[in-house]
Amino acid sequence: MTTAYLTHPACEEHKLADDHPESPQRLEAIQNRLIAGQLMDFLRWREADSATLAQLNATHCPEYVASIFARAPEEGHVALDDETLMMPNTLEAALRASGAVVKAVDMVLQDEVNNAFCAVRPPGHHAEYDKAMGFCVFNNIAVGARHALDAYGLERIAIIDIDCHHGNGTESIFESDARVLYASSYQYPLFPYPDPGASHDNIVHMPLEKGAKGEEFRAAYKRDLFPALEAFKPQLIMISAGFDALAEDPMGQLRLKEEDIVWVTQHLLDIAERYCEGRMVSVLEGGYNTDATGRAVFSHLKVMTGL
């Protein structure tokens, strides 16, 4: 299998406070681990383009998008909410992050590669239609999914969110769109404090209690997600690949191990092989212990490359 690896140097130039968990060191740790493990030699590296205004406006409120451009500072910082800051390089990083997912979708749906991973920041799954939230400016995976719907006429896209935190933004954007199945496993209660009973036809909630380990994680996927995917028969699978559900992560209290990441990646890849010719796009979300995130991405990509 051929796997694309999409990123851009601008994503490392979005620098918040020195002790901020959403740091450029996250991408550095991933790349160092891929190089050390000699996996980078098997990936098709591509620099991300910037998302266009049309692509952003198709997903987000145009007035919100315009406000982000208008508020981008030349120096200092601007607070979009209590946790989400813009610095002088944030706008380009956010444009490249969303643009990476658009390009990954193009590469996969045009059969240039089998699957793709987007190593980007700022993350995106908390960004709602008209609001920044939780370190997220634009909803990267939603922008890519909307592009797949609009540009390629897909009728069934599954977005699977494995982050420790529920992807409220992605759910809110697609909750009324039956073409998208959105499923999220997450620690509950924990930011952003979703309603764990909010599952309906195209939304699957898989709340996990504090301290939950791989057994509970796997049971939720077997019980709630895999049957839904088999019934949905996706034409494209997309993963909001947050790695803060790992036991070492400081931002949550789930206790997953690398083998749990391998397990869920393999199962999703198998479903992709059955229903969508293996087409899968994975997008970095959370993961704030840099060593653990680097190792987990390595394991995730090793499955995706078939090595």
Protein backbone atom coordinates (compact mmCIF):
# COMPACT_ATOMS: atom_id res chain seq x y z
CA MET A 1 0.00 0.00 0.00
CA THR A 2 1.06 3.57 -0.66
CA THR A 3 0.63 6.10 2.15
CA ALA A 4 0.97 9.86 1.82
CA TYR A 5 2.34 11.98 4.66
CA LEU A 6 1.17 15.58 4.43
CA THR A 7 2.49 18.45 6.51
CA HIS A 8 3.97 21.94 6.13
CA PRO A 9 6.71 23.90 7.97
CA ALA A 10 4.12 26.59 8.80
CA CYS A 11 2.40 24.13 11.13
CA GLU A 12 5.49 24.26 13.36
CA GLU A 13 5.53 28.08 13.34
CA HIS A 14 2.25 28.33 15.25
CA LYS A 15 3.90 28.87 18.64
CA LEU A 16 1.94 29.52 21.81
CA ALA A 17 3.35 29.87 25.34
CA ASP A 18 6.48 27.87 26.13
CA ASP A 19 4.54 25.56 28.44
CA HIS A 20 1.46 25.22 26.23
CA PRO A 21 0.62 21.55 25.57
CA GLU A 22 -0.31 22.18 21.92
CA SER A 23 3.30 22.81 20.89
CA PRO A 24 5.42 22.49 17.73
CA GLN A 25 7.34 19.72 19.51
CA ARG A 26 4.39 17.44 18.80
CA LEU A 27 5.18 17.40 15.07
CA GLU A 28 8.91 17.28 15.69
CA ALA A 29 8.50 14.18 17.89
CA ILE A 30 6.41 12.45 15.22
CA GLN A 31 8.88 13.15 12.44
CA ASN A 32 11.86 12.13 14.57
CA ARG A 33 10.20 8.83 15.44
CA LEU A 34 9.32 8.11 11.81
CA ILE A 35 12.89 8.84 10.73
CA ALA A 36 14.44 6.82 13.55
CA GLY A 37 12.19 3.88 12.77
CA GLN A 38 12.98 4.20 9.02
CA LEU A 39 9.29 4.45 8.22
CA MET A 40 9.61 7.80 6.50
CA ASP A 41 11.32 6.02 3.59
CA PHE A 42 8.02 4.25 2.87
CA LEU A 43 5.83 7.37 2.96
CA ARG A 44 5.05 9.73 0.11
CA TRP A 45 5.84 13.10 1.69
CA ARG A 46 3.87 16.10 0.38
CA GLU A 47 3.75 19.73 1.49
CA ALA A 48 0.24 20.97 2.15
CA ASP A 49 -1.38 23.65 0.06
CA SER A 50 -3.44 26.34 1.77
CA ALA A 51 -7.17 25.77 1.97
CA THR A 52 -9.04 28.21 -0.22
CA LEU A 53 -11.71 30.61 0.97
CA ALA A 54 -14.28 28.63 -0.98
CA GLN A 55 -13.26 25.41 0.83
CA LEU A 56 -13.40 27.08 4.24
CA ASN A 57 -16.71 28.82 3.51
CA ALA A 58 -18.26 25.53 2.41
CA THR A 59 -17.71 24.21 5.95
CA HIS A 60 -17.69 27.29 8.19
CA CYS A 61 -19.82 30.41 8.42
CA PRO A 62 -18.30 32.86 5.90
CA GLU A 63 -18.54 35.68 8.47
CA TYR A 64 -16.56 33.56 10.92
CA VAL A 65 -13.89 32.81 8.31
CA ALA A 66 -13.63 36.51 7.46
CA SER A 67 -13.27 37.35 11.15
CA ILE A 68 -10.33 34.96 11.50
CA PHE A 69 -8.53 36.66 8.61
CA ALA A 70 -9.37 40.09 10.01
CA ARG A 71 -8.16 39.26 13.55
CA ALA A 72 -4.86 37.62 12.58
CA PRO A 73 -2.24 39.65 14.46
CA GLU A 74 1.06 40.93 13.13
CA GLU A 75 2.51 40.70 16.63
CA GLY A 76 1.46 39.50 20.05
CA HIS A 77 -1.61 37.32 20.29
CA VAL A 78 -5.39 37.45 19.95
CA ALA A 79 -7.62 35.24 22.10
CA LEU A 80 -10.43 33.58 20.12
CA ASP A 81 -11.63 31.95 23.33
CA ASP A 82 -10.09 31.17 26.72
CA GLU A 83 -7.93 28.39 25.25
CA THR A 84 -7.53 29.25 21.57
CA LEU A 85 -4.99 31.88 20.61
CA MET A 86 -3.83 33.35 17.33
CA MET A 87 -0.22 34.43 16.90
CA PRO A 88 1.37 36.02 13.80
CA ASN A 89 1.91 32.59 12.16
CA THR A 90 -1.35 30.97 13.24
CA LEU A 91 -3.44 31.87 10.21
CA GLU A 92 -1.03 30.30 7.72
CA ALA A 93 -0.68 27.22 9.92
CA ALA A 94 -4.46 26.85 10.10
CA LEU A 95 -4.83 27.29 6.34
CA ARG A 96 -2.15 24.68 5.69
CA ALA A 97 -3.71 22.30 8.22
CA SER A 98 -7.07 22.35 6.47
CA GLY A 99 -5.39 22.40 3.07
CA ALA A 100 -3.45 19.25 3.95
CA VAL A 101 -6.70 17.34 4.45
CA VAL A 102 -8.12 18.63 1.17
CA LYS A 103 -4.97 17.51 -0.64
CA ALA A 104 -5.02 14.13 1.13
CA VAL A 105 -8.61 13.62 -0.03
CA ASP A 106 -7.58 14.48 -3.59
CA MET A 107 -4.65 12.07 -3.52
CA VAL A 108 -6.75 9.22 -2.14
CA LEU A 109 -9.83 9.72 -4.31
CA GLN A 110 -7.72 10.18 -7.45
CA ASP A 111 -5.97 6.87 -6.64
CA GLU A 112 -2.54 8.49 -6.34
CA VAL A 113 -2.17 6.77 -2.93
CA ASN A 114 -4.17 4.24 -0.95
CA ASN A 115 -4.36 6.29 2.23
CA ALA A 116 -2.90 9.38 3.85
CA PHE A 117 -1.90 10.89 7.19
CA CYS A 118 -1.95 14.66 7.85
CA ALA A 119 0.60 15.74 10.45
CA VAL A 120 -0.82 19.19 11.08
CA ARG A 121 -1.56 21.73 13.76
CA PRO A 122 -3.50 23.57 15.04
CA PRO A 123 -5.91 20.67 15.46
CA GLY A 124 -9.48 21.02 14.26
CA HIS A 125 -12.20 18.79 15.69
CA HIS A 126 -13.47 21.28 18.31
CA ALA A 127 -13.93 24.12 15.81
CA GLU A 128 -17.65 24.59 15.14
CA TYR A 129 -19.45 26.15 12.19
CA ASP A 130 -19.00 29.67 13.53
CA LYS A 131 -16.70 29.36 16.52
CA ALA A 132 -13.09 28.55 17.45
CA MET A 133 -12.69 26.27 20.44
CA GLY A 134 -10.25 23.99 22.26
CA PHE A 135 -7.02 25.01 20.42
CA CYS A 136 -8.88 24.67 17.06
CA VAL A 137 -9.37 27.45 14.48
CA PHE A 138 -10.75 25.65 11.41
CA ASN A 139 -12.19 22.14 11.48
CA ASN A 140 -9.58 20.46 9.29
CA ILE A 141 -11.23 17.08 8.89
CA ALA A 142 -14.63 18.66 8.24
CA VAL A 143 -13.13 20.86 5.51
CA GLY A 144 -11.64 17.76 3.88
CA ALA A 145 -14.86 15.78 4.20
CA ARG A 146 -16.93 18.61 2.72
CA HIS A 147 -14.48 18.75 -0.20
CA ALA A 148 -14.97 15.02 -0.77
CA LEU A 149 -18.75 15.49 -0.76
CA ASP A 150 -18.77 18.53 -3.04
CA ALA A 151 -15.91 17.86 -5.44
CA TYR A 152 -16.30 14.10 -5.82
CA GLY A 153 -19.98 13.58 -5.14
CA LEU A 154 -19.45 11.01 -2.41
CA GLU A 155 -22.61 9.90 -0.64
CA ARG A 156 -21.21 8.10 2.42
CA ILE A 157 -18.22 9.31 4.44
CA ALA A 158 -17.42 7.92 7.90
CA ILE A 159 -15.43 10.09 10.33
CA ILE A 160 -14.08 8.16 13.33
CA ASP A 161 -12.75 10.26 16.22
CA ILE A 162 -10.37 8.40 18.57
CA ASP A 163 -9.30 11.49 20.53
CA CYS A 164 -9.74 11.51 24.32
CA HIS A 165 -11.99 14.57 23.86
CA HIS A 166 -15.25 14.52 21.95
CA GLY A 167 -15.12 16.27 18.57
CA ASN A 168 -18.06 18.58 19.21
CA GLY A 169 -17.23 20.74 16.21
CA THR A 170 -17.28 17.89 13.71
CA GLU A 171 -20.54 16.58 15.17
CA SER A 172 -22.21 19.98 15.04
CA ILE A 173 -21.17 20.53 11.41
CA PHE A 174 -22.46 17.17 10.16
CA GLU A 175 -25.24 16.19 12.57
CA SER A 176 -27.92 17.01 10.01
CA ASP A 177 -26.08 15.54 7.02
CA ALA A 178 -26.98 11.87 6.51
CA ARG A 179 -24.09 11.49 4.06
CA VAL A 180 -21.64 11.62 6.99
CA LEU A 181 -21.47 9.07 9.79
CA TYR A 182 -19.63 10.63 12.73
CA ALA A 183 -18.50 8.41 15.62
CA SER A 184 -16.49 9.45 18.66
CA SER A 185 -14.98 7.56 21.58
CA TYR A 186 -14.04 9.91 24.40
CA GLN A 187 -13.59 10.27 28.14
CA TYR A 188 -16.74 11.40 29.91
CA PRO A 189 -17.13 13.67 31.75
CA LEU A 190 -14.36 15.76 30.22
CA PHE A 191 -14.07 18.85 28.01
CA PRO A 192 -16.08 19.73 25.94
CA TYR A 193 -18.74 17.98 28.08
CA PRO A 194 -20.97 16.54 25.33
CA ASP A 195 -24.28 14.81 25.86
CA PRO A 196 -23.35 11.10 25.82
CA GLY A 197 -26.93 10.23 24.94
CA ALA A 198 -26.91 12.30 21.76
CA SER A 199 -26.45 9.35 19.38
CA HIS A 200 -28.84 9.22 16.45
CA ASP A 201 -28.86 7.78 12.94
CA ASN A 202 -25.58 9.30 11.75
CA ILE A 203 -23.97 10.14 15.12
CA VAL A 204 -22.43 7.49 17.37
CA HIS A 205 -21.30 8.38 20.90
CA MET A 206 -18.96 6.00 22.73
CA PRO A 207 -18.31 7.60 26.14
CA LEU A 208 -15.65 5.96 28.32
CA GLU A 209 -15.19 6.42 32.04
CA LYS A 210 -12.06 7.90 33.55
CA GLY A 211 -9.43 5.18 33.79
CA ALA A 212 -10.92 3.07 30.99
CA LYS A 213 -8.38 0.74 29.37
CA GLY A 214 -8.12 -1.00 26.07
CA GLU A 215 -10.71 -3.61 26.97
CA GLU A 216 -13.45 -1.01 27.43
CA PHE A 217 -12.31 0.91 24.34
CA ARG A 218 -12.38 -2.18 22.14
CA ALA A 219 -15.72 -3.33 23.53
CA ALA A 220 -17.31 0.03 22.64
CA TYR A 221 -16.06 -0.18 19.06
CA LYS A 222 -17.23 -3.77 18.65
CA ARG A 223 -20.64 -2.98 20.13
CA ASP A 224 -21.41 0.46 18.71
CA LEU A 225 -19.17 1.38 15.80
CA PHE A 226 -18.30 -1.64 13.70
CA PRO A 227 -21.94 -2.70 13.15
CA ALA A 228 -22.81 0.90 12.22
CA LEU A 229 -19.96 1.00 9.69
CA GLU A 230 -20.98 -2.33 8.18
CA ALA A 231 -24.52 -1.01 7.71
CA PHE A 232 -23.34 2.39 6.40
CA LYS A 233 -20.83 0.97 3.85
CA PRO A 234 -18.64 4.09 3.64
CA GLN A 235 -17.02 5.24 0.40
CA LEU A 236 -14.27 6.96 2.40
CA ILE A 237 -13.09 6.56 5.99
CA MET A 238 -11.55 9.52 7.79
CA ILE A 239 -9.96 9.38 11.24
CA SER A 240 -9.67 12.23 13.71
CA ALA A 241 -6.47 10.76 15.08
CA GLY A 242 -6.02 12.15 18.56
CA PHE A 243 -3.51 10.29 20.73
CA ASP A 244 -4.36 11.85 24.08
CA ALA A 245 -6.30 8.72 25.08
CA LEU A 246 -2.93 7.07 25.74
CA ALA A 247 -2.10 6.37 29.36
CA GLU A 248 0.89 8.73 29.37
CA ASP A 249 -1.04 11.79 28.19
CA PRO A 250 -1.44 14.70 30.65
CA MET A 251 -4.72 15.97 29.17
CA GLY A 252 -6.93 12.98 29.93
CA GLN A 253 -7.29 9.94 32.13
CA LEU A 254 -7.95 7.14 29.64
CA ARG A 255 -5.40 4.33 29.71
CA LEU A 256 -4.97 3.13 26.16
CA LYS A 257 -1.74 1.56 24.92
CA GLU A 258 -0.07 1.59 21.52
CA GLU A 259 -1.50 -1.84 20.76
CA ASP A 260 -5.00 -0.37 21.09
CA ILE A 261 -4.13 2.19 18.41
CA VAL A 262 -2.82 -0.62 16.22
CA TRP A 263 -6.01 -2.61 16.84
CA VAL A 264 -8.45 0.15 15.90
CA THR A 265 -6.35 1.24 12.90
CA GLN A 266 -6.27 -2.29 11.53
CA HIS A 267 -10.01 -2.78 11.99
CA LEU A 268 -10.81 0.51 10.25
CA LEU A 269 -8.40 -0.34 7.45
CA ASP A 270 -10.08 -3.73 7.01
CA ILE A 271 -13.48 -2.04 6.73
CA ALA A 272 -12.01 0.44 4.25
CA GLU A 273 -10.71 -2.46 2.17
CA ARG A 274 -14.18 -4.04 2.08
CA TYR A 275 -16.21 -0.97 1.22
CA CYS A 276 -14.03 1.83 -0.20
CA GLU A 277 -11.02 0.28 -1.91
CA GLY A 278 -8.89 0.95 1.16
CA ARG A 279 -9.38 4.71 0.92
CA MET A 280 -8.64 6.28 4.29
CA VAL A 281 -7.46 9.72 5.45
CA SER A 282 -6.16 10.20 9.00
CA VAL A 283 -5.71 13.65 10.55
CA LEU A 284 -3.76 14.52 13.69
CA GLU A 285 -5.85 16.00 16.49
CA GLY A 286 -4.68 15.82 20.14
CA GLY A 287 -1.78 14.02 21.79
CA TYR A 288 0.25 16.03 24.27
CA ASN A 289 2.87 13.65 25.60
CA THR A 290 5.28 14.03 22.71
CA ASP A 291 7.10 10.71 23.20
CA ALA A 292 3.87 8.73 23.43
CA THR A 293 2.36 10.57 20.46
CA GLY A 294 5.44 9.95 18.32
CA ARG A 295 5.37 6.23 19.10
CA ALA A 296 1.62 5.96 18.53
CA VAL A 297 1.74 7.75 15.16
CA PHE A 298 4.57 5.43 14.13
CA SER A 299 2.43 2.40 15.01
CA HIS A 300 -0.65 3.93 13.32
CA LEU A 301 1.27 4.57 10.11
CA LYS A 302 2.97 1.20 10.14
CA VAL A 303 -0.48 -0.38 9.90
CA MET A 304 -1.56 2.05 7.19
CA THR A 305 1.51 1.28 5.06
CA GLY A 306 0.98 -2.49 5.46
CA LEU A 307 4.44 -3.07 6.93
